[in-house]
N, C-alpha and C. Protein backbone atom coordinates (compact mmCIF):
# COMPACT_ATOMS: atom_id res chain seq x y z
N UNK A 1 -18.61 -22.00 19.69
CA UNK A 1 -17.48 -21.49 18.94
C UNK A 1 -16.27 -21.38 19.86
N UNK A 2 -15.14 -21.75 19.33
CA UNK A 2 -13.89 -21.68 20.10
C UNK A 2 -13.45 -20.23 20.24
N UNK A 3 -12.84 -19.91 21.40
CA UNK A 3 -12.36 -18.56 21.62
C UNK A 3 -10.92 -18.37 21.16
N UNK A 4 -10.31 -19.41 20.56
CA UNK A 4 -8.94 -19.30 20.07
C UNK A 4 -8.94 -18.50 18.77
N UNK A 5 -7.99 -17.58 18.66
CA UNK A 5 -7.94 -16.69 17.50
C UNK A 5 -7.30 -17.35 16.28
N UNK A 6 -6.34 -18.25 16.48
CA UNK A 6 -5.61 -18.84 15.36
C UNK A 6 -5.97 -20.31 15.20
N UNK A 7 -5.98 -20.76 13.93
CA UNK A 7 -6.30 -22.15 13.60
C UNK A 7 -5.20 -22.69 12.70
N UNK A 8 -4.62 -23.83 13.10
CA UNK A 8 -3.62 -24.49 12.26
C UNK A 8 -4.34 -25.22 11.14
N UNK A 9 -4.03 -24.88 9.89
CA UNK A 9 -4.71 -25.48 8.75
C UNK A 9 -3.81 -26.41 7.94
N UNK A 10 -2.50 -26.40 8.22
CA UNK A 10 -1.57 -27.26 7.50
C UNK A 10 -0.37 -27.54 8.38
N UNK A 11 0.13 -28.78 8.33
CA UNK A 11 1.32 -29.13 9.10
C UNK A 11 2.10 -30.19 8.32
N UNK A 12 3.42 -30.03 8.33
CA UNK A 12 4.29 -30.98 7.63
C UNK A 12 5.58 -31.14 8.42
N UNK A 13 6.04 -32.37 8.57
CA UNK A 13 7.32 -32.64 9.22
C UNK A 13 7.22 -32.84 10.71
N UNK A 14 8.34 -33.35 11.27
CA UNK A 14 8.41 -33.54 12.71
C UNK A 14 9.67 -32.90 13.29
N UNK A 15 10.81 -33.06 12.63
CA UNK A 15 12.03 -32.39 13.09
C UNK A 15 12.14 -30.99 12.50
N UNK A 16 11.84 -30.88 11.22
CA UNK A 16 11.76 -29.59 10.54
C UNK A 16 10.28 -29.36 10.25
N UNK A 17 9.65 -28.54 11.06
CA UNK A 17 8.20 -28.37 11.01
C UNK A 17 7.84 -27.14 10.17
N UNK A 18 6.89 -27.32 9.27
CA UNK A 18 6.33 -26.22 8.51
C UNK A 18 4.82 -26.25 8.73
N UNK A 19 4.24 -25.11 9.15
CA UNK A 19 2.81 -25.03 9.42
C UNK A 19 2.24 -23.76 8.82
N UNK A 20 0.95 -23.82 8.49
CA UNK A 20 0.22 -22.63 8.08
C UNK A 20 -0.88 -22.41 9.12
N UNK A 21 -0.92 -21.19 9.65
CA UNK A 21 -1.92 -20.78 10.65
C UNK A 21 -2.77 -19.67 10.06
N UNK A 22 -4.06 -19.66 10.38
CA UNK A 22 -4.97 -18.61 9.91
C UNK A 22 -5.51 -17.84 11.10
N UNK A 23 -5.46 -16.52 11.00
CA UNK A 23 -6.09 -15.64 11.99
C UNK A 23 -7.58 -15.64 11.68
N UNK A 24 -8.38 -16.19 12.57
CA UNK A 24 -9.82 -16.33 12.31
C UNK A 24 -10.55 -15.00 12.28
N UNK A 25 -9.97 -13.94 12.83
CA UNK A 25 -10.64 -12.63 12.81
C UNK A 25 -10.36 -11.86 11.54
N UNK A 26 -9.17 -12.02 10.96
CA UNK A 26 -8.80 -11.26 9.77
C UNK A 26 -8.70 -12.11 8.52
N UNK A 27 -8.52 -13.43 8.67
CA UNK A 27 -8.36 -14.33 7.54
C UNK A 27 -6.93 -14.40 7.02
N UNK A 28 -6.01 -13.63 7.60
CA UNK A 28 -4.62 -13.61 7.14
C UNK A 28 -3.95 -14.95 7.48
N UNK A 29 -3.22 -15.51 6.49
CA UNK A 29 -2.48 -16.76 6.67
C UNK A 29 -1.04 -16.46 7.06
N UNK A 30 -0.50 -17.27 7.97
CA UNK A 30 0.87 -17.12 8.43
C UNK A 30 1.62 -18.42 8.23
N UNK A 31 2.88 -18.32 7.82
CA UNK A 31 3.75 -19.47 7.66
C UNK A 31 4.68 -19.55 8.87
N UNK A 32 4.71 -20.71 9.51
CA UNK A 32 5.59 -20.95 10.65
C UNK A 32 6.54 -22.07 10.27
N UNK A 33 7.82 -21.88 10.52
CA UNK A 33 8.80 -22.93 10.27
C UNK A 33 9.73 -23.03 11.47
N UNK A 34 9.96 -24.26 11.92
CA UNK A 34 10.85 -24.49 13.06
C UNK A 34 11.80 -25.63 12.71
N UNK A 35 13.04 -25.46 13.14
CA UNK A 35 14.06 -26.48 12.96
C UNK A 35 14.93 -26.48 14.21
N UNK A 36 14.89 -27.58 14.95
CA UNK A 36 15.65 -27.64 16.19
C UNK A 36 15.09 -26.67 17.22
N UNK A 37 15.95 -25.78 17.74
CA UNK A 37 15.52 -24.84 18.76
C UNK A 37 15.16 -23.46 18.20
N UNK A 38 15.15 -23.32 16.89
CA UNK A 38 14.81 -22.02 16.31
C UNK A 38 13.58 -22.13 15.44
N UNK A 39 12.91 -21.02 15.26
CA UNK A 39 11.71 -21.00 14.43
C UNK A 39 11.37 -19.58 14.03
N UNK A 40 10.44 -19.45 13.11
CA UNK A 40 10.04 -18.12 12.67
C UNK A 40 8.62 -18.13 12.14
N UNK A 41 8.01 -16.96 12.19
CA UNK A 41 6.63 -16.77 11.75
C UNK A 41 6.58 -15.55 10.84
N UNK A 42 5.89 -15.67 9.71
CA UNK A 42 5.77 -14.55 8.78
C UNK A 42 4.44 -14.66 8.05
N UNK A 43 3.87 -13.54 7.60
CA UNK A 43 2.67 -13.63 6.78
C UNK A 43 2.97 -14.43 5.51
N UNK A 44 2.05 -15.25 5.09
CA UNK A 44 2.19 -16.01 3.85
C UNK A 44 1.82 -15.09 2.71
N UNK A 45 2.71 -14.95 1.73
CA UNK A 45 2.51 -14.00 0.64
C UNK A 45 2.22 -14.71 -0.68
N UNK A 46 1.41 -14.06 -1.53
CA UNK A 46 1.17 -14.59 -2.86
C UNK A 46 2.28 -14.12 -3.80
N UNK A 47 2.17 -14.43 -5.07
CA UNK A 47 3.24 -14.09 -6.01
C UNK A 47 3.41 -12.60 -6.22
N UNK A 48 2.41 -11.79 -5.87
CA UNK A 48 2.50 -10.34 -5.99
C UNK A 48 3.00 -9.68 -4.72
N UNK A 49 3.31 -10.48 -3.69
CA UNK A 49 3.81 -9.94 -2.44
C UNK A 49 2.72 -9.48 -1.48
N UNK A 50 1.47 -9.84 -1.78
CA UNK A 50 0.35 -9.48 -0.92
C UNK A 50 0.02 -10.66 0.00
N UNK A 51 -0.44 -10.38 1.22
CA UNK A 51 -0.78 -11.47 2.15
C UNK A 51 -1.91 -12.35 1.61
N UNK A 52 -1.78 -13.65 1.84
CA UNK A 52 -2.84 -14.59 1.50
C UNK A 52 -3.93 -14.46 2.56
N UNK A 53 -5.17 -14.23 2.12
CA UNK A 53 -6.29 -14.03 3.05
C UNK A 53 -7.37 -15.05 2.72
N UNK A 54 -7.72 -15.87 3.72
CA UNK A 54 -8.80 -16.83 3.59
C UNK A 54 -10.13 -16.15 3.88
N UNK A 55 -11.21 -16.63 3.28
CA UNK A 55 -12.51 -16.02 3.54
C UNK A 55 -12.89 -16.13 5.02
N UNK A 56 -13.32 -15.02 5.59
CA UNK A 56 -13.79 -15.03 6.97
C UNK A 56 -15.16 -15.70 6.99
N UNK A 57 -15.42 -16.45 8.04
CA UNK A 57 -16.69 -17.16 8.13
C UNK A 57 -16.54 -18.59 7.68
N UNK A 58 -15.31 -18.99 7.29
CA UNK A 58 -15.08 -20.40 6.99
C UNK A 58 -15.34 -21.20 8.25
N UNK A 59 -15.55 -22.47 8.11
CA UNK A 59 -15.89 -23.32 9.24
C UNK A 59 -14.62 -23.63 10.03
N UNK A 60 -14.10 -22.67 10.78
CA UNK A 60 -12.81 -22.80 11.48
C UNK A 60 -12.86 -23.75 12.66
N UNK A 61 -14.01 -24.01 13.23
CA UNK A 61 -14.06 -24.78 14.47
C UNK A 61 -14.20 -26.28 14.24
N UNK A 62 -14.02 -26.73 13.03
CA UNK A 62 -14.10 -28.16 12.76
C UNK A 62 -12.80 -28.83 13.10
C-alpha cells in the first residue's frame, strides 16, 4: 500500500488545469484548479453544499 495520503482521480487540461484529488483517509474530494502561476484548492461540494465523500476502502493504489 502506498503511504501517500492523496490520490488524483481526475485531470483535465494542460494550461488551465482542473483536477480532483481524494483524501484516502477521509474520502473527502478536493477540486484543484490552476491557470498560469496561480491556483486554488477547495473541497468539492454537492448541490446541497456538503462535501463529496468517496467510500473509504476503494482501490486507491491502482
